[in-house]
């Protein structure tokens, strides 16, 4: 065989080998791997089993490496990686200031012109848009909703129905207490639950959702105003319905008290759904924060939680944009929301949920106004920290060591120490 024929045979063999590799899914030389930074390490298996395979199936040539950090270490680790030029191509974006700071340093790329960004309302983009409203730097992904999860068996045994008004709510708590059960499972030891699942949960019905939050930023409302004080006053009324020693009760303690069937109602965030469904051996139901009186409009805490952005220093910008376009799609919204019950798409896509309890929470978005937590945008940038002050006073209100009026005054004093509303 001459040299020319030998070379032809070798070339043909090489082509056959390449074709075989492609058909068996072996990575090709041109494949791009995108690394995704996130603090949601509890999602690792879901990404590996569901989200990554779905993306890779529709995007041949792009591989995903989901590489989360511990939640408490994420911000510092991500900043260090960014500084060192070794951060992943895709960044899970916390809501508001942490991600805004990355954008202002040139670490996150704008996504204003991204295909699919039109599937998100201005409200949905708030947590990842500059203060002037001109530039969005992360694609919104998921929110969490506040409400109450209850033990359906205990309700059925006592002949109870979910309350719609505050009067019905407290009458129901009285019946549960009279039966010898703990009505509400929440403690004040860790403080944040009293604020997040207490004050911020029931508060939107008092301050009418987003207008009440934006009024605080504009300086046209104060925490000492009636709607905010009324929310703390309602929270104070929970005290007789808590378990003995609730002042020393931690967040895990509250979860255990409820899932073991020793408390009827858990003031909740929707993120509890997977854990509670796995641990409770009784059926679960949910109801939104009761309104003051029948016929009042309802409002819920629908808090922006996570988005995804592109590392401005990514070596694979086209592939990264392709991933973000997919994140903005109906396919991703449906997949993510069903894979993670209790985390709800921020897009305008209609998603049919398979989890009945998550579907209950989601249904409230159609009938109620919404509200993100009061101090998460702008109002916690200075020192002392306003969000921390809300935690502290809410726990004290629950403990009965601070009145609602004192709570409002203390938080407003914290804000006034450094914040000047626009134009004032």
Protein backbone atom coordinates (compact mmCIF):
# COMPACT_ATOMS: atom_id res chain seq x y z
CA UNK A 1 0.00 0.00 0.00
CA UNK A 2 1.44 3.42 -0.94
CA UNK A 3 1.72 6.39 1.43
CA UNK A 4 -1.25 8.26 -0.10
CA UNK A 5 -3.57 5.24 0.36
CA UNK A 6 -2.40 4.73 3.93
CA UNK A 7 -3.14 8.35 4.78
CA UNK A 8 -6.59 8.08 3.23
CA UNK A 9 -7.38 5.02 5.31
CA UNK A 10 -6.21 6.76 8.48
CA UNK A 11 -8.30 9.83 7.73
CA UNK A 12 -11.35 7.66 7.11
CA UNK A 13 -10.80 5.83 10.39
CA UNK A 14 -10.52 9.13 12.23
CA UNK A 15 -13.81 10.35 10.76
CA UNK A 16 -15.56 7.12 11.78
CA UNK A 17 -14.16 7.46 15.33
CA UNK A 18 -15.41 11.06 15.59
CA UNK A 19 -18.84 10.06 14.36
CA UNK A 20 -18.97 7.25 16.91
CA UNK A 21 -17.95 9.58 19.72
CA UNK A 22 -20.69 12.04 18.77
CA UNK A 23 -23.32 9.32 18.63
CA UNK A 24 -22.41 8.00 22.08
CA UNK A 25 -22.46 11.43 23.71
CA UNK A 26 -18.70 11.67 24.35
CA UNK A 27 -17.70 15.35 24.70
CA UNK A 28 -16.46 16.84 21.47
CA UNK A 29 -13.49 19.16 21.21
CA UNK A 30 -15.79 22.12 20.57
CA UNK A 31 -18.02 21.51 23.63
CA UNK A 32 -18.18 24.43 26.05
CA UNK A 33 -18.61 23.86 29.80
CA UNK A 34 -20.31 26.60 31.81
CA UNK A 35 -19.74 26.63 35.56
CA UNK A 36 -22.65 27.89 37.66
CA UNK A 37 -21.99 29.54 41.02
CA UNK A 38 -24.80 29.30 43.61
CA UNK A 39 -25.49 29.31 47.34
CA UNK A 40 -28.27 26.74 46.95
CA UNK A 41 -26.22 23.63 47.74
CA UNK A 42 -29.41 21.85 48.81
CA UNK A 43 -30.43 21.94 45.12
CA UNK A 44 -27.40 20.00 43.87
CA UNK A 45 -29.21 16.73 43.18
CA UNK A 46 -32.11 18.51 41.46
CA UNK A 47 -29.69 20.27 39.14
CA UNK A 48 -27.80 17.07 38.41
CA UNK A 49 -30.90 14.93 37.86
CA UNK A 50 -33.33 17.34 36.20
CA UNK A 51 -32.17 20.82 35.25
CA UNK A 52 -28.74 20.07 33.73
CA UNK A 53 -29.97 17.14 31.58
CA UNK A 54 -32.92 19.21 30.29
CA UNK A 55 -30.66 22.09 29.22
CA UNK A 56 -27.98 19.90 27.68
CA UNK A 57 -30.58 17.94 25.70
CA UNK A 58 -31.74 21.10 23.93
CA UNK A 59 -28.32 22.78 23.72
CA UNK A 60 -25.82 20.33 22.19
CA UNK A 61 -22.28 21.55 22.55
CA UNK A 62 -22.87 23.27 25.92
CA UNK A 63 -22.29 21.43 29.19
CA UNK A 64 -23.23 22.67 32.66
CA UNK A 65 -21.24 22.30 35.87
CA UNK A 66 -23.38 23.29 38.85
CA UNK A 67 -20.86 24.12 41.60
CA UNK A 68 -22.57 25.56 44.71
CA UNK A 69 -20.96 26.95 47.86
CA UNK A 70 -22.29 26.87 51.42
CA UNK A 71 -24.96 29.60 51.79
CA UNK A 72 -23.11 31.45 54.57
CA UNK A 73 -19.86 31.44 52.57
CA UNK A 74 -21.26 32.27 49.15
CA UNK A 75 -20.94 36.06 49.06
CA UNK A 76 -17.35 36.10 50.29
CA UNK A 77 -16.32 33.13 48.12
CA UNK A 78 -17.89 34.62 45.00
CA UNK A 79 -16.26 38.01 45.56
CA UNK A 80 -12.86 36.35 46.02
CA UNK A 81 -13.30 34.31 42.84
CA UNK A 82 -14.36 37.42 40.92
CA UNK A 83 -11.31 39.31 42.16
CA UNK A 84 -9.08 36.41 41.17
CA UNK A 85 -10.66 35.98 37.75
CA UNK A 86 -11.69 32.38 38.46
CA UNK A 87 -15.44 32.73 39.05
CA UNK A 88 -17.92 30.65 37.09
CA UNK A 89 -19.60 31.80 33.91
CA UNK A 90 -23.06 31.95 35.49
CA UNK A 91 -23.76 33.52 38.87
CA UNK A 92 -26.76 32.87 41.10
CA UNK A 93 -27.81 36.38 42.13
CA UNK A 94 -29.03 37.20 45.59
CA UNK A 95 -31.73 39.85 45.67
CA UNK A 96 -30.74 43.52 45.79
CA UNK A 97 -27.53 44.95 47.21
CA UNK A 98 -25.06 42.04 47.05
CA UNK A 99 -25.71 41.56 43.33
CA UNK A 100 -25.97 45.29 42.66
CA UNK A 101 -22.49 45.73 44.14
CA UNK A 102 -21.14 43.09 41.74
CA UNK A 103 -22.72 44.89 38.79
CA UNK A 104 -21.35 48.25 39.90
CA UNK A 105 -17.86 46.71 39.99
CA UNK A 106 -18.31 45.50 36.42
CA UNK A 107 -18.58 41.83 37.47
CA UNK A 108 -22.06 41.17 36.03
CA UNK A 109 -23.11 41.80 32.44
CA UNK A 110 -26.32 43.71 31.63
CA UNK A 111 -29.20 41.59 30.33
CA UNK A 112 -31.49 44.36 29.03
CA UNK A 113 -31.30 43.01 25.47
CA UNK A 114 -31.47 39.33 26.39
CA UNK A 115 -34.04 37.31 24.47
CA UNK A 116 -36.83 36.45 26.90
CA UNK A 117 -36.25 39.29 29.39
CA UNK A 118 -39.60 40.66 28.21
CA UNK A 119 -41.21 37.74 30.08
CA UNK A 120 -40.60 39.54 33.39
CA UNK A 121 -42.48 42.53 34.75
CA UNK A 122 -40.69 45.56 36.16
CA UNK A 123 -41.74 44.41 39.63
CA UNK A 124 -40.19 40.99 39.05
CA UNK A 125 -36.94 42.63 37.92
CA UNK A 126 -36.79 45.06 40.86
CA UNK A 127 -34.34 42.98 42.87
CA UNK A 128 -31.81 42.91 40.00
CA UNK A 129 -32.21 46.34 38.43
CA UNK A 130 -30.27 49.52 39.15
CA UNK A 131 -31.91 52.17 41.34
CA UNK A 132 -32.67 54.33 38.31
CA UNK A 133 -34.54 51.44 36.71
CA UNK A 134 -32.43 51.53 33.55
CA UNK A 135 -30.29 48.39 33.71
CA UNK A 136 -31.21 44.83 34.64
CA UNK A 137 -28.20 42.62 35.40
CA UNK A 138 -29.72 39.24 36.37
CA UNK A 139 -32.61 37.20 35.02
CA UNK A 140 -35.26 36.81 37.76
CA UNK A 141 -35.87 33.17 38.65
CA UNK A 142 -37.81 32.46 41.82
CA UNK A 143 -39.75 33.96 44.70
CA UNK A 144 -41.03 32.62 48.01
CA UNK A 145 -44.49 33.28 49.40
CA UNK A 146 -45.59 33.79 53.00
CA UNK A 147 -48.66 32.25 54.58
CA UNK A 148 -49.71 29.60 57.08
CA UNK A 149 -49.32 25.82 56.76
CA UNK A 150 -51.66 23.76 58.91
CA UNK A 151 -52.20 20.19 60.09
CA UNK A 152 -55.32 19.10 58.19
CA UNK A 153 -55.92 16.10 60.44
CA UNK A 154 -55.93 18.30 63.54
CA UNK A 155 -58.29 20.76 61.82
CA UNK A 156 -60.62 17.92 60.77
CA UNK A 157 -60.60 16.38 64.24
CA UNK A 158 -61.59 19.73 65.76
CA UNK A 159 -64.06 20.61 62.99
CA UNK A 160 -62.07 23.68 61.93
CA UNK A 161 -61.87 25.48 58.58
CA UNK A 162 -59.11 27.84 57.36
CA UNK A 163 -59.90 31.41 58.48
CA UNK A 164 -60.46 34.29 56.07
CA UNK A 165 -60.58 37.23 58.50
CA UNK A 166 -58.49 38.17 61.52
CA UNK A 167 -61.48 37.63 63.82
CA UNK A 168 -61.93 34.11 62.43
CA UNK A 169 -58.19 33.49 62.83
CA UNK A 170 -58.11 34.32 66.53
CA UNK A 171 -61.38 32.47 67.20
CA UNK A 172 -59.79 29.42 65.58
CA UNK A 173 -56.67 29.78 67.74
CA UNK A 174 -58.89 29.91 70.83
CA UNK A 175 -60.57 26.62 69.85
CA UNK A 176 -57.24 24.90 69.28
CA UNK A 177 -55.91 26.12 72.62
CA UNK A 178 -59.08 25.03 74.40
CA UNK A 179 -58.58 21.53 72.96
CA UNK A 180 -55.18 21.38 74.65
CA UNK A 181 -53.04 21.74 71.51
CA UNK A 182 -50.43 24.37 70.60
CA UNK A 183 -52.08 26.72 68.09
CA UNK A 184 -48.99 28.37 66.55
CA UNK A 185 -45.48 26.97 66.12
CA UNK A 186 -43.06 29.88 66.09
CA UNK A 187 -40.32 31.00 68.47
CA UNK A 188 -38.44 34.21 69.06
CA UNK A 189 -34.95 32.93 69.88
CA UNK A 190 -33.54 33.44 66.37
CA UNK A 191 -35.47 36.69 65.83
CA UNK A 192 -35.68 36.48 62.02
CA UNK A 193 -38.73 34.16 62.13
CA UNK A 194 -40.69 36.68 64.19
CA UNK A 195 -39.97 39.24 61.48
CA UNK A 196 -40.15 37.12 58.32
CA UNK A 197 -42.96 34.67 59.17
CA UNK A 198 -44.63 37.07 61.58
CA UNK A 199 -44.48 40.81 60.88
CA UNK A 200 -43.59 40.63 57.15
CA UNK A 201 -46.10 37.81 56.60
CA UNK A 202 -49.21 39.52 57.99
CA UNK A 203 -48.05 43.09 57.37
CA UNK A 204 -48.88 43.49 53.65
CA UNK A 205 -52.60 43.34 54.46
CA UNK A 206 -52.07 46.38 56.70
CA UNK A 207 -49.85 48.53 54.45
CA UNK A 208 -51.47 47.41 51.19
CA UNK A 209 -48.50 45.65 49.67
CA UNK A 210 -45.99 47.34 47.40
CA UNK A 211 -47.34 50.91 47.71
CA UNK A 212 -46.71 50.73 51.46
CA UNK A 213 -43.14 49.51 50.92
CA UNK A 214 -42.32 52.12 48.28
CA UNK A 215 -43.75 54.88 50.47
CA UNK A 216 -41.11 54.11 53.11
CA UNK A 217 -38.35 54.46 50.49
CA UNK A 218 -39.86 57.73 49.22
CA UNK A 219 -40.13 59.09 52.75
CA UNK A 220 -43.87 59.67 52.41
CA UNK A 221 -44.51 57.05 55.09
CA UNK A 222 -42.78 56.15 58.34
CA UNK A 223 -42.62 52.96 60.39
CA UNK A 224 -44.47 54.88 63.09
CA UNK A 225 -47.52 55.25 60.83
CA UNK A 226 -50.69 53.33 61.61
CA UNK A 227 -50.41 50.49 59.04
CA UNK A 228 -46.96 49.35 60.20
CA UNK A 229 -47.79 49.71 63.90
CA UNK A 230 -51.02 47.74 63.30
CA UNK A 231 -48.99 44.84 61.88
CA UNK A 232 -46.87 44.67 65.04
CA UNK A 233 -50.03 45.00 67.15
CA UNK A 234 -51.52 41.97 65.39
CA UNK A 235 -48.26 40.07 65.92
CA UNK A 236 -48.40 40.87 69.67
CA UNK A 237 -51.76 39.07 69.84
CA UNK A 238 -50.04 35.77 68.92
CA UNK A 239 -48.31 35.53 72.32
CA UNK A 240 -51.00 33.52 74.20
CA UNK A 241 -51.10 30.92 71.44
CA UNK A 242 -47.44 29.92 71.39
CA UNK A 243 -45.81 26.93 73.08
CA UNK A 244 -44.40 27.11 76.60
CA UNK A 245 -40.87 28.50 76.51
CA UNK A 246 -41.21 29.83 72.95
CA UNK A 247 -38.73 32.59 73.85
CA UNK A 248 -35.98 29.94 73.74
CA UNK A 249 -37.48 28.12 70.76
CA UNK A 250 -35.20 28.10 67.70
CA UNK A 251 -36.18 27.81 64.04
CA UNK A 252 -35.46 24.03 63.91
CA UNK A 253 -37.41 23.63 67.16
CA UNK A 254 -40.45 25.26 65.55
CA UNK A 255 -40.17 23.05 62.48
CA UNK A 256 -39.96 19.92 64.64
CA UNK A 257 -42.85 20.95 66.87
CA UNK A 258 -45.07 21.22 63.81
CA UNK A 259 -43.91 18.19 61.81
CA UNK A 260 -44.21 15.96 64.90
CA UNK A 261 -47.91 16.89 65.06
CA UNK A 262 -47.68 18.85 68.30
CA UNK A 263 -48.83 22.21 66.87
CA UNK A 264 -51.74 23.01 64.58
CA UNK A 265 -50.42 25.92 62.50
CA UNK A 266 -46.99 26.98 61.29
CA UNK A 267 -46.51 30.62 60.17
CA UNK A 268 -44.56 29.76 57.08
CA UNK A 269 -42.56 30.60 54.06
CA UNK A 270 -43.28 28.41 51.05
CA UNK A 271 -39.69 27.15 51.16
CA UNK A 272 -40.80 24.82 53.98
CA UNK A 273 -42.96 22.71 51.62
CA UNK A 274 -40.42 20.00 50.60
CA UNK A 275 -39.18 19.49 54.18
CA UNK A 276 -42.64 19.39 55.71
CA UNK A 277 -43.98 17.01 53.07
CA UNK A 278 -41.03 14.70 53.71
CA UNK A 279 -41.26 14.76 57.51
CA UNK A 280 -44.93 15.15 58.43
CA UNK A 281 -47.06 11.99 58.55
CA UNK A 282 -50.31 13.98 58.31
CA UNK A 283 -51.89 15.87 55.39
CA UNK A 284 -50.99 19.54 55.01
CA UNK A 285 -53.02 22.56 53.99
CA UNK A 286 -52.29 26.25 53.64
CA UNK A 287 -54.10 29.57 53.91
CA UNK A 288 -53.00 33.16 53.22
CA UNK A 289 -52.76 35.83 55.94
CA UNK A 290 -56.35 36.65 56.93
CA UNK A 291 -57.67 40.12 56.05
CA UNK A 292 -59.07 42.50 58.66
CA UNK A 293 -62.69 42.12 57.57
CA UNK A 294 -64.66 40.26 54.90
CA UNK A 295 -64.41 41.92 51.50
CA UNK A 296 -61.05 43.59 52.12
CA UNK A 297 -58.45 43.13 49.35
CA UNK A 298 -55.74 40.63 50.27
CA UNK A 299 -51.97 41.03 50.04
CA UNK A 300 -49.20 38.46 50.44
CA UNK A 301 -45.47 38.51 50.93
CA UNK A 302 -44.16 37.32 47.54
CA UNK A 303 -40.46 37.90 48.04
CA UNK A 304 -37.87 37.85 45.29
CA UNK A 305 -35.26 35.25 46.19
CA UNK A 306 -32.95 34.18 43.35
CA UNK A 307 -31.89 35.17 39.84
CA UNK A 308 -29.08 34.25 37.44
CA UNK A 309 -26.57 36.56 35.80
CA UNK A 310 -23.54 36.31 33.55
CA UNK A 311 -20.00 36.84 34.77
CA UNK A 312 -18.82 39.78 32.66
CA UNK A 313 -15.42 38.06 32.50
CA UNK A 314 -16.76 34.76 31.15
CA UNK A 315 -14.67 33.21 28.38
CA UNK A 316 -17.88 31.80 26.89
CA UNK A 317 -20.28 34.76 26.65
CA UNK A 318 -22.37 33.34 23.79
CA UNK A 319 -22.95 30.06 25.60
CA UNK A 320 -23.68 31.92 28.85
CA UNK A 321 -26.28 34.08 27.12
CA UNK A 322 -27.83 30.94 25.63
CA UNK A 323 -28.21 29.56 29.15
CA UNK A 324 -29.78 32.79 30.43
CA UNK A 325 -32.19 32.85 27.47
CA UNK A 326 -33.24 29.35 28.48
CA UNK A 327 -33.68 30.50 32.09
CA UNK A 328 -36.11 33.11 30.76
CA UNK A 329 -38.13 30.46 28.89
CA UNK A 330 -41.39 28.73 29.69
CA UNK A 331 -39.57 25.37 29.72
CA UNK A 332 -37.27 26.46 32.55
CA UNK A 333 -40.09 28.15 34.51
CA UNK A 334 -42.12 24.94 34.47
CA UNK A 335 -39.15 22.70 35.25
CA UNK A 336 -37.72 24.82 38.07
CA UNK A 337 -41.02 25.55 39.80
CA UNK A 338 -42.02 21.88 39.82
CA UNK A 339 -38.56 20.59 40.75
CA UNK A 340 -38.44 22.95 43.74
CA UNK A 341 -41.94 23.16 45.27
CA UNK A 342 -42.25 26.43 47.16
CA UNK A 343 -40.05 28.45 44.81
CA UNK A 344 -42.25 30.18 42.26
CA UNK A 345 -41.32 31.51 38.85
CA UNK A 346 -41.04 35.28 38.57
CA UNK A 347 -41.84 35.15 34.87
CA UNK A 348 -45.24 35.80 33.32
CA UNK A 349 -45.44 32.22 32.06
CA UNK A 350 -48.37 30.20 33.36
CA UNK A 351 -47.01 27.17 35.19
CA UNK A 352 -49.15 24.24 36.24
CA UNK A 353 -47.81 22.88 39.51
CA UNK A 354 -47.87 19.19 40.35
CA UNK A 355 -47.46 19.68 44.11
CA UNK A 356 -50.92 20.46 45.62
CA UNK A 357 -49.56 22.47 48.55
CA UNK A 358 -47.32 24.58 46.32
CA UNK A 359 -50.29 25.09 44.00
CA UNK A 360 -52.27 26.48 46.95
CA UNK A 361 -49.57 29.07 47.64
CA UNK A 362 -49.27 29.97 43.95
CA UNK A 363 -53.04 30.46 43.62
CA UNK A 364 -52.88 33.42 46.00
CA UNK A 365 -50.83 35.34 43.40
CA UNK A 366 -53.91 35.43 41.18
CA UNK A 367 -56.25 36.85 43.82
CA UNK A 368 -54.00 38.95 46.09
CA UNK A 369 -51.62 41.86 45.70
CA UNK A 370 -48.00 41.20 46.63
CA UNK A 371 -45.13 42.70 48.55
CA UNK A 372 -41.40 42.09 48.91
CA UNK A 373 -39.94 42.52 52.40
CA UNK A 374 -39.87 46.12 53.54
CA UNK A 375 -36.19 46.83 54.04
CA UNK A 376 -34.57 44.66 51.37
CA UNK A 377 -34.39 47.40 48.74
CA UNK A 378 -32.29 50.48 49.63
CA UNK A 379 -33.42 50.71 53.28
CA UNK A 380 -30.76 48.36 54.66
CA UNK A 381 -27.71 49.86 52.98
CA UNK A 382 -26.63 51.96 55.93
CA UNK A 383 -25.73 51.43 59.56
CA UNK A 384 -27.42 50.62 61.82
CA UNK A 385 -29.16 48.02 59.68
CA UNK A 386 -32.92 48.46 59.34
CA UNK A 387 -33.69 44.83 58.50
CA UNK A 388 -31.82 43.71 61.63
CA UNK A 389 -33.82 46.25 63.62
CA UNK A 390 -37.07 44.76 62.27
CA UNK A 391 -35.88 41.32 63.37
CA UNK A 392 -35.07 42.55 66.86
CA UNK A 393 -38.24 44.53 67.54
CA UNK A 394 -40.50 41.83 66.07
CA UNK A 395 -39.04 39.27 68.47
CA UNK A 396 -39.52 41.68 71.37
CA UNK A 397 -43.12 42.35 70.34
CA UNK A 398 -43.74 38.60 70.25
CA UNK A 399 -42.15 38.34 73.71
CA UNK A 400 -44.29 41.16 75.06
CA UNK A 401 -41.27 43.26 76.04
CA UNK A 402 -41.93 45.98 73.45
CA UNK A 403 -45.21 47.55 72.34
CA UNK A 404 -46.16 47.92 68.70
CA UNK A 405 -45.73 51.69 68.96
CA UNK A 406 -42.28 51.30 70.51
CA UNK A 407 -41.32 48.87 67.74
CA UNK A 408 -42.26 51.37 65.03
CA UNK A 409 -40.39 54.17 66.78
CA UNK A 410 -37.24 52.08 67.19
CA UNK A 411 -37.13 51.02 63.53
CA UNK A 412 -37.83 54.56 62.30
CA UNK A 413 -35.06 55.87 64.56
CA UNK A 414 -32.70 53.29 63.04
CA UNK A 415 -33.61 54.45 59.53
CA UNK A 416 -33.42 58.16 60.35
CA UNK A 417 -29.88 57.71 61.68
CA UNK A 418 -28.53 57.50 58.12
CA UNK A 419 -31.24 57.54 55.44
CA UNK A 420 -32.34 60.61 53.55
CA UNK A 421 -35.24 59.97 51.15
CA UNK A 422 -34.79 61.20 47.55
CA UNK A 423 -35.34 64.94 47.23
CA UNK A 424 -35.52 65.55 50.98
